[in-house]
């Protein structure tokens, strides 16, 4: 298990009989461990890009466990620690940029999301085909989602025009 320290990508060896993996970012704090930084993610690959998910400077590690075809879970394994400084945060997490056309989010590796969703600091944002953040109603895969003026998708809320969106952010008819 290892980190790509340049961009916050976690890597681990393939585990026998694994259909997929559960992976989770954790932060070490003082004399105790603070788990629950974000969610536990299910992936098929043996790597996960945590860029955009480091909330502040600190010492981090990730946990991973294999899941077999019957969803039986293996033991959690922990990675070595990675130290993220204030200077590292922009490089690893990325940064918001703006020009006369709008806002976009440059990831730590210099790329940006286009025509899709990006999870940034525990919120979902939608970016158009040119990579600019969108607000208002978003039609995506036969569902409607609402992004507030900051660009963040609303969840479990009522939109300004009176519609309810569920825990997944999709409009409830």
N, C-alpha and C. Protein backbone atom coordinates (compact mmCIF):
# COMPACT_ATOMS: atom_id res chain seq x y z
N UNK A 1 0.86 -1.17 0.00
CA UNK A 1 0.00 0.00 0.00
C UNK A 1 0.90 1.23 0.00
N UNK A 2 0.52 2.20 -0.81
CA UNK A 2 1.36 3.40 -0.90
C UNK A 2 0.56 4.59 -1.39
N UNK A 3 1.12 5.76 -1.20
CA UNK A 3 0.56 7.03 -1.67
C UNK A 3 1.38 7.53 -2.85
N UNK A 4 0.73 8.15 -3.80
CA UNK A 4 1.42 9.00 -4.77
C UNK A 4 1.37 10.38 -4.14
N UNK A 5 2.45 10.78 -3.50
CA UNK A 5 2.45 12.01 -2.70
C UNK A 5 2.28 13.27 -3.53
N UNK A 6 2.52 13.18 -4.84
CA UNK A 6 2.37 14.37 -5.68
C UNK A 6 0.92 14.75 -5.90
N UNK A 7 0.00 13.77 -5.85
CA UNK A 7 -1.38 14.10 -6.19
C UNK A 7 -2.43 13.46 -5.29
N UNK A 8 -2.03 12.79 -4.21
CA UNK A 8 -3.02 12.24 -3.28
C UNK A 8 -3.72 10.99 -3.74
N UNK A 9 -3.10 10.24 -4.65
CA UNK A 9 -3.70 8.99 -5.12
C UNK A 9 -3.17 7.84 -4.28
N UNK A 10 -4.09 7.01 -3.78
CA UNK A 10 -3.75 5.83 -2.99
C UNK A 10 -3.67 4.62 -3.90
N UNK A 11 -2.69 3.76 -3.67
CA UNK A 11 -2.51 2.53 -4.45
C UNK A 11 -2.33 1.35 -3.50
N UNK A 12 -2.82 0.19 -3.91
CA UNK A 12 -2.61 -1.03 -3.14
C UNK A 12 -2.52 -2.20 -4.10
N UNK A 13 -1.95 -3.30 -3.62
CA UNK A 13 -1.82 -4.52 -4.43
C UNK A 13 -3.18 -5.17 -4.62
N UNK A 14 -3.34 -5.84 -5.76
CA UNK A 14 -4.55 -6.63 -5.97
C UNK A 14 -4.65 -7.67 -4.86
N UNK A 15 -5.86 -7.88 -4.38
CA UNK A 15 -6.09 -8.87 -3.33
C UNK A 15 -6.85 -10.04 -3.94
N UNK A 16 -6.45 -11.24 -3.58
CA UNK A 16 -7.06 -12.43 -4.18
C UNK A 16 -8.55 -12.48 -3.91
N UNK A 17 -9.29 -12.90 -4.90
CA UNK A 17 -10.75 -13.06 -4.86
C UNK A 17 -11.51 -11.75 -4.70
N UNK A 18 -10.85 -10.63 -4.85
CA UNK A 18 -11.54 -9.35 -4.69
C UNK A 18 -12.37 -9.02 -5.93
N UNK A 19 -13.64 -8.79 -5.72
CA UNK A 19 -14.51 -8.29 -6.80
C UNK A 19 -14.41 -6.78 -6.85
N UNK A 20 -14.34 -6.16 -5.66
CA UNK A 20 -14.13 -4.72 -5.55
C UNK A 20 -13.51 -4.43 -4.19
N UNK A 21 -13.29 -3.14 -3.93
CA UNK A 21 -12.63 -2.72 -2.70
C UNK A 21 -13.43 -1.60 -2.05
N UNK A 22 -13.38 -1.56 -0.72
CA UNK A 22 -13.89 -0.42 0.04
C UNK A 22 -12.65 0.35 0.48
N UNK A 23 -12.67 1.66 0.28
CA UNK A 23 -11.52 2.49 0.63
C UNK A 23 -12.01 3.73 1.35
N UNK A 24 -11.22 4.18 2.32
CA UNK A 24 -11.64 5.31 3.15
C UNK A 24 -10.43 6.13 3.56
N UNK A 25 -10.56 7.46 3.50
CA UNK A 25 -9.52 8.38 3.94
C UNK A 25 -9.68 8.63 5.43
N UNK A 26 -8.57 8.62 6.15
CA UNK A 26 -8.58 8.85 7.60
C UNK A 26 -7.50 9.87 7.96
N UNK A 27 -7.72 10.58 9.05
CA UNK A 27 -6.76 11.58 9.52
C UNK A 27 -6.35 11.23 10.94
N UNK A 28 -5.06 11.29 11.19
CA UNK A 28 -4.55 11.05 12.54
C UNK A 28 -4.53 12.37 13.28
N UNK A 29 -5.10 12.40 14.48
CA UNK A 29 -5.14 13.64 15.24
C UNK A 29 -4.70 13.44 16.67
N UNK A 30 -3.60 14.09 17.07
CA UNK A 30 -3.14 14.01 18.45
C UNK A 30 -2.93 12.58 18.90
N UNK A 31 -3.58 12.21 20.00
CA UNK A 31 -3.45 10.86 20.54
C UNK A 31 -4.56 9.94 20.06
N UNK A 32 -5.44 10.44 19.22
CA UNK A 32 -6.55 9.60 18.75
C UNK A 32 -6.64 9.66 17.24
N UNK A 33 -7.40 8.73 16.70
CA UNK A 33 -7.59 8.67 15.26
C UNK A 33 -8.95 9.22 14.91
N UNK A 34 -9.02 10.06 13.92
CA UNK A 34 -10.28 10.62 13.45
C UNK A 34 -10.63 9.95 12.14
N UNK A 35 -11.50 8.96 12.21
CA UNK A 35 -11.99 8.34 10.99
C UNK A 35 -13.17 9.15 10.50
N UNK A 36 -13.69 8.79 9.37
CA UNK A 36 -14.89 9.45 8.89
C UNK A 36 -14.63 10.71 8.12
N UNK A 37 -13.45 10.87 7.55
CA UNK A 37 -13.20 12.00 6.67
C UNK A 37 -13.91 11.65 5.37
N UNK A 38 -15.07 12.18 5.16
CA UNK A 38 -15.82 11.84 3.96
C UNK A 38 -16.46 10.47 4.08
N UNK A 39 -16.58 9.80 2.98
CA UNK A 39 -17.33 8.55 2.90
C UNK A 39 -16.39 7.37 2.68
N UNK A 40 -16.96 6.19 2.72
CA UNK A 40 -16.26 4.98 2.28
C UNK A 40 -16.66 4.75 0.83
N UNK A 41 -15.67 4.59 -0.03
CA UNK A 41 -15.92 4.47 -1.46
C UNK A 41 -15.73 3.03 -1.91
N UNK A 42 -16.54 2.60 -2.85
CA UNK A 42 -16.42 1.28 -3.45
C UNK A 42 -15.83 1.43 -4.84
N UNK A 43 -14.72 0.74 -5.08
CA UNK A 43 -14.04 0.83 -6.38
C UNK A 43 -13.66 -0.56 -6.86
N UNK A 44 -13.51 -0.70 -8.17
CA UNK A 44 -13.07 -1.97 -8.77
C UNK A 44 -11.56 -2.00 -8.96
N UNK A 45 -10.95 -0.82 -9.11
CA UNK A 45 -9.52 -0.73 -9.34
C UNK A 45 -8.77 -0.84 -8.02
N UNK A 46 -7.44 -0.98 -8.11
CA UNK A 46 -6.65 -1.03 -6.89
C UNK A 46 -5.94 0.31 -6.64
N UNK A 47 -6.70 1.39 -6.88
CA UNK A 47 -6.23 2.73 -6.56
C UNK A 47 -7.45 3.63 -6.40
N UNK A 48 -7.25 4.75 -5.70
CA UNK A 48 -8.32 5.72 -5.54
C UNK A 48 -7.71 7.11 -5.45
N UNK A 49 -8.31 8.06 -6.15
CA UNK A 49 -7.83 9.44 -6.18
C UNK A 49 -8.51 10.23 -5.07
N UNK A 50 -7.77 10.52 -4.01
CA UNK A 50 -8.30 11.30 -2.89
C UNK A 50 -8.10 12.80 -3.08
N UNK A 51 -7.60 13.24 -4.23
CA UNK A 51 -7.42 14.68 -4.43
C UNK A 51 -8.77 15.37 -4.27
N UNK A 52 -8.75 16.51 -3.61
CA UNK A 52 -9.98 17.25 -3.33
C UNK A 52 -10.66 16.81 -2.06
N UNK A 53 -10.11 15.84 -1.35
CA UNK A 53 -10.77 15.31 -0.16
C UNK A 53 -9.98 15.53 1.13
N UNK A 54 -8.87 16.24 1.07
CA UNK A 54 -8.11 16.56 2.27
C UNK A 54 -8.61 17.90 2.81
N UNK A 55 -9.33 17.91 3.95
CA UNK A 55 -9.95 19.15 4.41
C UNK A 55 -8.98 20.16 5.00
N UNK A 56 -7.85 19.71 5.54
CA UNK A 56 -6.88 20.63 6.14
C UNK A 56 -5.55 19.92 6.26
N UNK A 57 -4.53 20.69 6.63
CA UNK A 57 -3.21 20.11 6.82
C UNK A 57 -3.28 19.08 7.95
N UNK A 58 -2.47 18.04 7.83
CA UNK A 58 -2.43 17.01 8.87
C UNK A 58 -1.80 15.73 8.37
N UNK A 59 -1.86 14.72 9.20
CA UNK A 59 -1.32 13.41 8.88
C UNK A 59 -2.46 12.49 8.49
N UNK A 60 -2.37 11.91 7.30
CA UNK A 60 -3.46 11.09 6.75
C UNK A 60 -2.98 9.68 6.45
N UNK A 61 -3.92 8.79 6.38
CA UNK A 61 -3.69 7.43 5.91
C UNK A 61 -4.99 6.96 5.27
N UNK A 62 -4.95 5.85 4.56
CA UNK A 62 -6.19 5.30 4.04
C UNK A 62 -6.33 3.86 4.49
N UNK A 63 -7.57 3.42 4.54
CA UNK A 63 -7.89 2.03 4.85
C UNK A 63 -8.51 1.42 3.60
N UNK A 64 -8.22 0.16 3.37
CA UNK A 64 -8.81 -0.54 2.23
C UNK A 64 -9.11 -1.98 2.65
N UNK A 65 -10.19 -2.51 2.12
CA UNK A 65 -10.48 -3.93 2.33
C UNK A 65 -11.14 -4.48 1.08
N UNK A 66 -10.87 -5.75 0.84
CA UNK A 66 -11.42 -6.43 -0.34
C UNK A 66 -12.83 -6.92 -0.04
N UNK A 67 -13.65 -6.92 -1.09
CA UNK A 67 -15.01 -7.47 -1.02
C UNK A 67 -15.09 -8.55 -2.09
N UNK A 68 -15.60 -9.74 -1.73
CA UNK A 68 -15.71 -10.80 -2.72
C UNK A 68 -17.06 -10.71 -3.45
N UNK A 69 -17.31 -11.66 -4.32
CA UNK A 69 -18.53 -11.62 -5.14
C UNK A 69 -19.81 -11.76 -4.32
N UNK A 70 -19.71 -12.24 -3.09
CA UNK A 70 -20.89 -12.35 -2.21
C UNK A 70 -20.94 -11.20 -1.20
N UNK A 71 -20.12 -10.18 -1.41
CA UNK A 71 -20.00 -9.02 -0.52
C UNK A 71 -19.47 -9.37 0.86
N UNK A 72 -18.74 -10.47 0.97
CA UNK A 72 -18.02 -10.76 2.21
C UNK A 72 -16.81 -9.84 2.26
N UNK A 73 -16.59 -9.23 3.41
CA UNK A 73 -15.54 -8.23 3.54
C UNK A 73 -14.29 -8.83 4.18
N UNK A 74 -13.14 -8.47 3.62
CA UNK A 74 -11.87 -8.82 4.23
C UNK A 74 -11.56 -7.85 5.36
N UNK A 75 -10.42 -8.05 5.98
CA UNK A 75 -9.99 -7.16 7.06
C UNK A 75 -9.52 -5.82 6.49
N UNK A 76 -9.76 -4.75 7.23
CA UNK A 76 -9.24 -3.44 6.84
C UNK A 76 -7.72 -3.47 6.94
N UNK A 77 -7.07 -2.92 5.93
CA UNK A 77 -5.62 -2.75 5.96
C UNK A 77 -5.34 -1.26 5.92
N UNK A 78 -4.32 -0.82 6.64
CA UNK A 78 -3.99 0.61 6.72
C UNK A 78 -2.71 0.90 5.97
N UNK A 79 -2.70 2.05 5.31
CA UNK A 79 -1.54 2.50 4.55
C UNK A 79 -0.53 3.17 5.47
N UNK A 80 0.66 3.43 4.94
CA UNK A 80 1.58 4.31 5.65
C UNK A 80 0.98 5.72 5.71
N UNK A 81 1.50 6.53 6.61
CA UNK A 81 1.02 7.91 6.75
C UNK A 81 1.58 8.79 5.64
N UNK A 82 0.82 9.83 5.33
CA UNK A 82 1.28 10.89 4.45
C UNK A 82 1.03 12.21 5.18
N UNK A 83 2.02 13.08 5.18
CA UNK A 83 1.89 14.38 5.84
C UNK A 83 1.49 15.41 4.79
N UNK A 84 0.35 16.07 5.00
CA UNK A 84 -0.12 17.11 4.09
C UNK A 84 0.04 18.45 4.79
N UNK A 85 0.89 19.31 4.24
CA UNK A 85 1.12 20.64 4.81
C UNK A 85 0.16 21.64 4.16
N UNK A 86 0.13 22.84 4.69
CA UNK A 86 -0.69 23.90 4.07
C UNK A 86 -0.28 24.10 2.61
N UNK A 87 1.03 24.05 2.35
CA UNK A 87 1.51 24.23 0.98
C UNK A 87 1.07 23.10 0.06
N UNK A 88 0.94 21.90 0.62
CA UNK A 88 0.53 20.73 -0.17
C UNK A 88 -0.94 20.78 -0.57
N UNK A 89 -1.77 21.48 0.21
CA UNK A 89 -3.22 21.41 0.00
C UNK A 89 -3.63 21.80 -1.42
N UNK A 90 -3.09 22.88 -1.95
CA UNK A 90 -3.45 23.29 -3.31
C UNK A 90 -2.97 22.27 -4.32
N UNK A 91 -1.76 21.76 -4.13
CA UNK A 91 -1.20 20.78 -5.07
C UNK A 91 -2.02 19.49 -5.05
N UNK A 92 -2.38 19.03 -3.88
CA UNK A 92 -3.09 17.76 -3.76
C UNK A 92 -4.58 17.93 -4.00
N UNK A 93 -5.16 19.00 -3.47
CA UNK A 93 -6.61 19.18 -3.58
C UNK A 93 -7.05 19.88 -4.84
N UNK A 94 -6.23 20.72 -5.39
CA UNK A 94 -6.66 21.52 -6.53
C UNK A 94 -7.08 22.90 -6.06
N UNK A 95 -7.59 23.69 -7.00
CA UNK A 95 -7.97 25.05 -6.65
C UNK A 95 -9.06 25.56 -7.59
N UNK A 96 -9.88 26.47 -7.05
CA UNK A 96 -10.89 27.15 -7.85
C UNK A 96 -10.24 28.28 -8.62
N UNK A 97 -10.60 28.41 -9.89
CA UNK A 97 -10.09 29.48 -10.74
C UNK A 97 -11.27 30.15 -11.43
N UNK A 98 -11.09 31.42 -11.81
CA UNK A 98 -12.18 32.17 -12.45
C UNK A 98 -11.63 33.03 -13.56
N UNK A 99 -12.42 33.13 -14.63
CA UNK A 99 -12.14 34.10 -15.68
C UNK A 99 -13.45 34.79 -16.02
N UNK A 100 -13.49 35.54 -17.12
CA UNK A 100 -14.70 36.29 -17.47
C UNK A 100 -15.87 35.39 -17.85
N UNK A 101 -15.64 34.10 -18.06
CA UNK A 101 -16.72 33.17 -18.43
C UNK A 101 -17.28 32.41 -17.23
N UNK A 102 -16.54 32.38 -16.12
CA UNK A 102 -17.05 31.68 -14.95
C UNK A 102 -15.96 30.98 -14.16
N UNK A 103 -16.43 30.10 -13.28
CA UNK A 103 -15.55 29.35 -12.38
C UNK A 103 -15.28 27.95 -12.91
N UNK A 104 -14.08 27.43 -12.67
CA UNK A 104 -13.77 26.04 -12.91
C UNK A 104 -12.84 25.57 -11.81
N UNK A 105 -12.70 24.26 -11.70
CA UNK A 105 -11.87 23.68 -10.64
C UNK A 105 -10.72 22.92 -11.26
N UNK A 106 -9.51 23.39 -10.97
CA UNK A 106 -8.31 22.72 -11.46
C UNK A 106 -7.86 21.71 -10.40
N UNK A 107 -7.80 20.45 -10.79
CA UNK A 107 -7.36 19.40 -9.87
C UNK A 107 -5.87 19.54 -9.59
N UNK A 108 -5.41 18.81 -8.60
CA UNK A 108 -4.01 18.86 -8.22
C UNK A 108 -3.06 18.49 -9.34
N UNK A 109 -3.52 17.66 -10.28
CA UNK A 109 -2.65 17.26 -11.40
C UNK A 109 -2.74 18.20 -12.59
N UNK A 110 -3.50 19.30 -12.45
CA UNK A 110 -3.62 20.29 -13.52
C UNK A 110 -4.79 20.07 -14.46
N UNK A 111 -5.47 18.93 -14.36
CA UNK A 111 -6.63 18.67 -15.22
C UNK A 111 -7.89 19.25 -14.57
N UNK A 112 -8.99 19.20 -15.29
CA UNK A 112 -10.26 19.68 -14.75
C UNK A 112 -11.38 18.81 -15.28
N UNK A 113 -12.47 18.76 -14.52
CA UNK A 113 -13.64 17.98 -14.90
C UNK A 113 -14.43 18.74 -15.95
N UNK A 114 -14.89 18.03 -16.96
CA UNK A 114 -15.80 18.62 -17.94
C UNK A 114 -16.95 17.66 -18.17
N UNK A 115 -18.12 18.23 -18.40
CA UNK A 115 -19.34 17.47 -18.68
C UNK A 115 -19.60 16.38 -17.63
N UNK A 116 -19.58 16.80 -16.36
CA UNK A 116 -19.85 15.84 -15.30
C UNK A 116 -19.73 16.44 -13.93
N UNK A 117 -19.86 15.56 -12.94
CA UNK A 117 -19.85 15.94 -11.54
C UNK A 117 -18.46 15.76 -10.94
N UNK A 118 -18.13 16.61 -9.98
CA UNK A 118 -16.87 16.51 -9.23
C UNK A 118 -17.18 16.73 -7.76
N UNK A 119 -16.67 15.86 -6.91
CA UNK A 119 -16.85 15.95 -5.46
C UNK A 119 -15.68 16.74 -4.90
N UNK A 120 -15.96 17.93 -4.34
CA UNK A 120 -14.92 18.82 -3.86
C UNK A 120 -15.27 19.25 -2.44
N UNK A 121 -14.40 18.97 -1.51
CA UNK A 121 -14.61 19.36 -0.11
C UNK A 121 -16.00 18.99 0.39
N UNK A 122 -16.39 17.75 0.12
CA UNK A 122 -17.63 17.15 0.63
C UNK A 122 -18.90 17.72 0.01
N UNK A 123 -18.77 18.31 -1.16
CA UNK A 123 -19.94 18.79 -1.90
C UNK A 123 -19.78 18.41 -3.37
N UNK A 124 -20.93 18.21 -4.04
CA UNK A 124 -20.92 17.89 -5.47
C UNK A 124 -21.14 19.15 -6.29
N UNK A 125 -20.36 19.28 -7.37
CA UNK A 125 -20.46 20.40 -8.31
C UNK A 125 -20.56 19.83 -9.72
N UNK A 126 -21.31 20.53 -10.57
CA UNK A 126 -21.44 20.09 -11.96
C UNK A 126 -20.68 21.04 -12.87
N UNK A 127 -19.96 20.46 -13.83
CA UNK A 127 -19.17 21.24 -14.78
C UNK A 127 -19.62 20.92 -16.20
N UNK A 128 -19.76 21.97 -17.03
CA UNK A 128 -20.24 21.79 -18.40
C UNK A 128 -19.13 21.22 -19.29
N UNK A 129 -19.43 21.10 -20.59
CA UNK A 129 -18.49 20.49 -21.53
C UNK A 129 -17.18 21.24 -21.66
N UNK A 130 -17.16 22.52 -21.29
CA UNK A 130 -15.92 23.29 -21.33
C UNK A 130 -15.24 23.37 -19.97
N UNK A 131 -15.85 22.74 -18.96
CA UNK A 131 -15.24 22.70 -17.63
C UNK A 131 -15.69 23.79 -16.68
N UNK A 132 -16.68 24.59 -17.07
CA UNK A 132 -17.15 25.66 -16.18
C UNK A 132 -18.25 25.15 -15.25
N UNK A 133 -18.20 25.60 -13.99
CA UNK A 133 -19.19 25.23 -12.99
C UNK A 133 -20.56 25.78 -13.38
N UNK A 134 -21.59 24.96 -13.18
CA UNK A 134 -22.96 25.37 -13.49
C UNK A 134 -23.76 25.52 -12.20
N UNK A 135 -24.78 26.38 -12.26
CA UNK A 135 -25.71 26.56 -11.15
C UNK A 135 -27.12 26.37 -11.68
N UNK A 136 -28.08 26.29 -10.75
CA UNK A 136 -29.47 26.10 -11.15
C UNK A 136 -29.76 24.63 -11.41
N UNK A 137 -30.79 24.38 -12.20
CA UNK A 137 -31.21 23.01 -12.49
C UNK A 137 -30.27 22.35 -13.50
N UNK A 138 -29.87 21.12 -13.19
CA UNK A 138 -28.99 20.32 -14.04
C UNK A 138 -29.74 19.04 -14.40
N UNK A 139 -29.86 18.76 -15.69
CA UNK A 139 -30.46 17.51 -16.14
C UNK A 139 -29.32 16.52 -16.38
N UNK A 140 -29.35 15.40 -15.64
CA UNK A 140 -28.27 14.43 -15.74
C UNK A 140 -28.84 13.02 -15.60
N UNK A 141 -28.63 12.21 -16.63
CA UNK A 141 -29.06 10.82 -16.64
C UNK A 141 -30.53 10.67 -16.21
N UNK A 142 -31.39 11.43 -16.88
CA UNK A 142 -32.85 11.37 -16.70
C UNK A 142 -33.32 11.83 -15.32
N UNK A 143 -32.50 12.57 -14.60
CA UNK A 143 -32.90 13.14 -13.32
C UNK A 143 -32.54 14.61 -13.31
N UNK A 144 -33.21 15.37 -12.43
CA UNK A 144 -32.91 16.79 -12.27
C UNK A 144 -32.27 17.03 -10.91
N UNK A 145 -31.22 17.83 -10.91
CA UNK A 145 -30.48 18.19 -9.70
C UNK A 145 -30.41 19.71 -9.64
N UNK A 146 -30.34 20.25 -8.43
CA UNK A 146 -30.27 21.70 -8.29
C UNK A 146 -28.95 22.09 -7.62
N UNK A 147 -28.21 22.99 -8.28
CA UNK A 147 -26.97 23.52 -7.73
C UNK A 147 -27.21 24.97 -7.33
N UNK A 148 -26.90 25.29 -6.07
CA UNK A 148 -27.16 26.64 -5.55
C UNK A 148 -26.20 27.66 -6.17
N UNK A 149 -26.33 28.95 -5.82
CA UNK A 149 -25.46 29.97 -6.43
C UNK A 149 -23.96 29.74 -6.22
N UNK A 150 -23.58 28.99 -5.17
CA UNK A 150 -22.16 28.68 -4.97
C UNK A 150 -21.72 27.53 -5.87
N UNK A 151 -22.70 26.87 -6.52
CA UNK A 151 -22.42 25.73 -7.38
C UNK A 151 -22.63 24.40 -6.71
N UNK A 152 -22.79 24.38 -5.39
CA UNK A 152 -22.95 23.11 -4.66
C UNK A 152 -24.33 22.52 -4.89
N UNK A 153 -24.38 21.21 -5.13
CA UNK A 153 -25.65 20.52 -5.31
C UNK A 153 -26.39 20.46 -3.97
N UNK A 154 -27.68 20.81 -4.00
CA UNK A 154 -28.50 20.69 -2.79
C UNK A 154 -28.86 19.23 -2.56
N UNK A 155 -28.91 18.82 -1.31
CA UNK A 155 -29.35 17.48 -0.93
C UNK A 155 -30.32 17.59 0.23
N UNK A 156 -31.35 16.75 0.21
CA UNK A 156 -32.36 16.72 1.28
C UNK A 156 -32.82 18.14 1.63
N UNK A 157 -33.29 18.86 0.62
CA UNK A 157 -33.64 20.27 0.80
C UNK A 157 -34.78 20.66 -0.14
N UNK A 158 -35.27 21.88 0.06
CA UNK A 158 -36.25 22.47 -0.84
C UNK A 158 -35.52 23.54 -1.64
N UNK A 159 -35.68 23.52 -2.95
CA UNK A 159 -35.02 24.48 -3.83
C UNK A 159 -35.71 25.84 -3.73
N UNK A 160 -35.07 26.91 -4.18
CA UNK A 160 -35.70 28.23 -4.13
C UNK A 160 -37.03 28.32 -4.87
N UNK A 161 -37.23 27.46 -5.89
CA UNK A 161 -38.50 27.48 -6.62
C UNK A 161 -39.50 26.46 -6.08
N UNK A 162 -39.23 25.90 -4.88
CA UNK A 162 -40.22 25.10 -4.18
C UNK A 162 -40.22 23.60 -4.41
N UNK A 163 -39.23 23.07 -5.11
CA UNK A 163 -39.17 21.62 -5.33
C UNK A 163 -38.30 20.96 -4.25
N UNK A 164 -38.60 19.71 -3.96
CA UNK A 164 -37.82 18.96 -2.97
C UNK A 164 -36.82 18.07 -3.69
N UNK A 165 -35.59 18.05 -3.16
CA UNK A 165 -34.57 17.13 -3.65
C UNK A 165 -34.22 16.16 -2.53
N UNK A 166 -33.95 14.92 -2.90
CA UNK A 166 -33.68 13.87 -1.92
C UNK A 166 -32.23 13.83 -1.47
N UNK A 167 -31.91 12.80 -0.71
CA UNK A 167 -30.56 12.63 -0.17
C UNK A 167 -29.51 12.47 -1.27
N UNK A 168 -29.93 11.98 -2.45
CA UNK A 168 -29.01 11.85 -3.58
C UNK A 168 -28.95 13.12 -4.42
N UNK A 169 -29.72 14.14 -4.03
CA UNK A 169 -29.75 15.40 -4.76
C UNK A 169 -30.76 15.46 -5.88
N UNK A 170 -31.35 14.34 -6.25
CA UNK A 170 -32.31 14.32 -7.37
C UNK A 170 -33.67 14.87 -6.93
N UNK A 171 -34.31 15.58 -7.85
CA UNK A 171 -35.63 16.14 -7.58
C UNK A 171 -36.64 15.02 -7.36
N UNK A 172 -37.47 15.22 -6.34
CA UNK A 172 -38.54 14.27 -6.04
C UNK A 172 -39.81 14.82 -6.65
N UNK A 173 -40.45 14.05 -7.51
CA UNK A 173 -41.66 14.53 -8.21
C UNK A 173 -42.86 14.56 -7.30
